[in-house]
């Protein structure tokens, strides 16, 4: 029987043993067990999907996480007034009576 030992972000050891071992995703930044994917939009309805641990992911909204690289791009966009411009161009939906 094969066993894998991995450390979690908080220092605990995770033991997984069995005949067919599942491949654990690891954080691309630190190498610990990943439990989050980067949600940054990359076009055509797709997201970045880099594997991240909760310590390396940046939560930009509830249940919305970016990797550090995409968080920096988001901050630049936000600081340049991009969010305000996009929101100003939204036409409210008017409900028909």
Protein backbone atom coordinates (compact mmCIF):
# COMPACT_ATOMS: atom_id res chain seq x y z
CA UNK A 1 0.00 0.00 0.00
CA UNK A 2 1.30 3.43 -0.95
CA UNK A 3 1.14 6.40 1.42
CA UNK A 4 1.67 10.11 0.81
CA UNK A 5 2.45 12.58 3.59
CA UNK A 6 1.76 16.25 2.92
CA UNK A 7 1.88 19.26 5.19
CA UNK A 8 -1.07 21.63 5.32
CA UNK A 9 -0.67 25.41 5.52
CA UNK A 10 -1.17 25.41 9.29
CA UNK A 11 1.60 22.81 9.76
CA UNK A 12 -0.54 19.72 10.25
CA UNK A 13 0.46 16.52 8.48
CA UNK A 14 -2.00 14.92 6.08
CA UNK A 15 -1.62 11.17 5.55
CA UNK A 16 -3.23 9.50 2.54
CA UNK A 17 -2.85 5.77 1.99
CA UNK A 18 -4.38 3.38 -0.50
CA UNK A 19 -3.92 1.29 -3.60
CA UNK A 20 -4.87 4.07 -6.01
CA UNK A 21 -3.58 7.38 -4.69
CA UNK A 22 -5.43 10.51 -5.83
CA UNK A 23 -3.23 13.30 -7.05
CA UNK A 24 -3.43 16.21 -4.59
CA UNK A 25 -3.39 19.72 -5.98
CA UNK A 26 -0.61 21.81 -4.48
CA UNK A 27 -0.39 25.59 -4.25
CA UNK A 28 1.67 27.04 -7.11
CA UNK A 29 3.11 29.66 -4.76
CA UNK A 30 4.13 27.67 -1.66
CA UNK A 31 3.68 23.94 -2.41
CA UNK A 32 1.19 23.21 0.38
CA UNK A 33 -2.13 21.47 -0.25
CA UNK A 34 -4.34 23.65 -2.47
CA UNK A 35 -8.06 24.03 -1.88
CA UNK A 36 -8.81 27.15 -3.97
CA UNK A 37 -8.58 28.03 -7.66
CA UNK A 38 -7.88 31.53 -9.00
CA UNK A 39 -11.14 33.05 -10.24
CA UNK A 40 -9.60 35.82 -12.38
CA UNK A 41 -11.40 35.98 -15.75
CA UNK A 42 -9.12 35.25 -18.71
CA UNK A 43 -11.71 35.45 -21.50
CA UNK A 44 -14.43 33.40 -23.18
CA UNK A 45 -16.01 32.51 -19.83
CA UNK A 46 -12.80 30.93 -18.50
CA UNK A 47 -10.85 31.68 -15.33
CA UNK A 48 -7.15 31.39 -14.47
CA UNK A 49 -7.67 28.28 -12.26
CA UNK A 50 -4.17 28.32 -10.69
CA UNK A 51 -4.19 26.05 -7.63
CA UNK A 52 -3.81 28.03 -4.40
CA UNK A 53 -3.91 27.40 -0.67
CA UNK A 54 -6.00 29.61 1.59
CA UNK A 55 -2.83 31.37 2.79
CA UNK A 56 -1.69 32.43 -0.68
CA UNK A 57 -5.07 33.20 -2.29
CA UNK A 58 -6.34 36.77 -2.05
CA UNK A 59 -10.08 37.01 -1.40
CA UNK A 60 -11.39 40.02 -3.36
CA UNK A 61 -15.07 39.32 -2.64
CA UNK A 62 -17.01 36.57 -0.85
CA UNK A 63 -15.94 33.26 -2.42
CA UNK A 64 -13.93 35.08 -5.13
CA UNK A 65 -10.16 34.54 -5.01
CA UNK A 66 -7.25 35.74 -7.14
CA UNK A 67 -3.65 34.55 -7.28
CA UNK A 68 -1.09 37.20 -6.32
CA UNK A 69 -0.26 38.03 -9.95
CA UNK A 70 -3.88 38.61 -10.91
CA UNK A 71 -4.59 40.49 -7.68
CA UNK A 72 -1.87 42.99 -8.67
CA UNK A 73 -3.54 43.41 -12.10
CA UNK A 74 -6.91 43.90 -10.38
CA UNK A 75 -5.47 46.56 -8.04
CA UNK A 76 -3.98 48.46 -11.00
CA UNK A 77 -7.33 48.34 -12.82
CA UNK A 78 -9.20 49.49 -9.70
CA UNK A 79 -6.74 52.30 -8.89
CA UNK A 80 -6.85 53.59 -12.48
CA UNK A 81 -10.61 54.16 -12.17
CA UNK A 82 -11.54 51.14 -14.28
CA UNK A 83 -14.22 49.87 -11.90
CA UNK A 84 -15.93 53.26 -11.72
CA UNK A 85 -15.91 53.56 -15.53
CA UNK A 86 -17.36 50.07 -16.04
CA UNK A 87 -20.09 50.66 -13.47
CA UNK A 88 -20.95 54.04 -15.03
CA UNK A 89 -21.62 52.30 -18.37
CA UNK A 90 -24.18 49.88 -16.91
CA UNK A 91 -27.74 50.52 -17.99
CA UNK A 92 -30.23 49.57 -15.24
CA UNK A 93 -32.78 46.92 -16.13
CA UNK A 94 -36.26 48.38 -16.13
CA UNK A 95 -39.02 46.05 -15.13
CA UNK A 96 -42.15 46.10 -17.30
CA UNK A 97 -45.45 46.58 -15.51
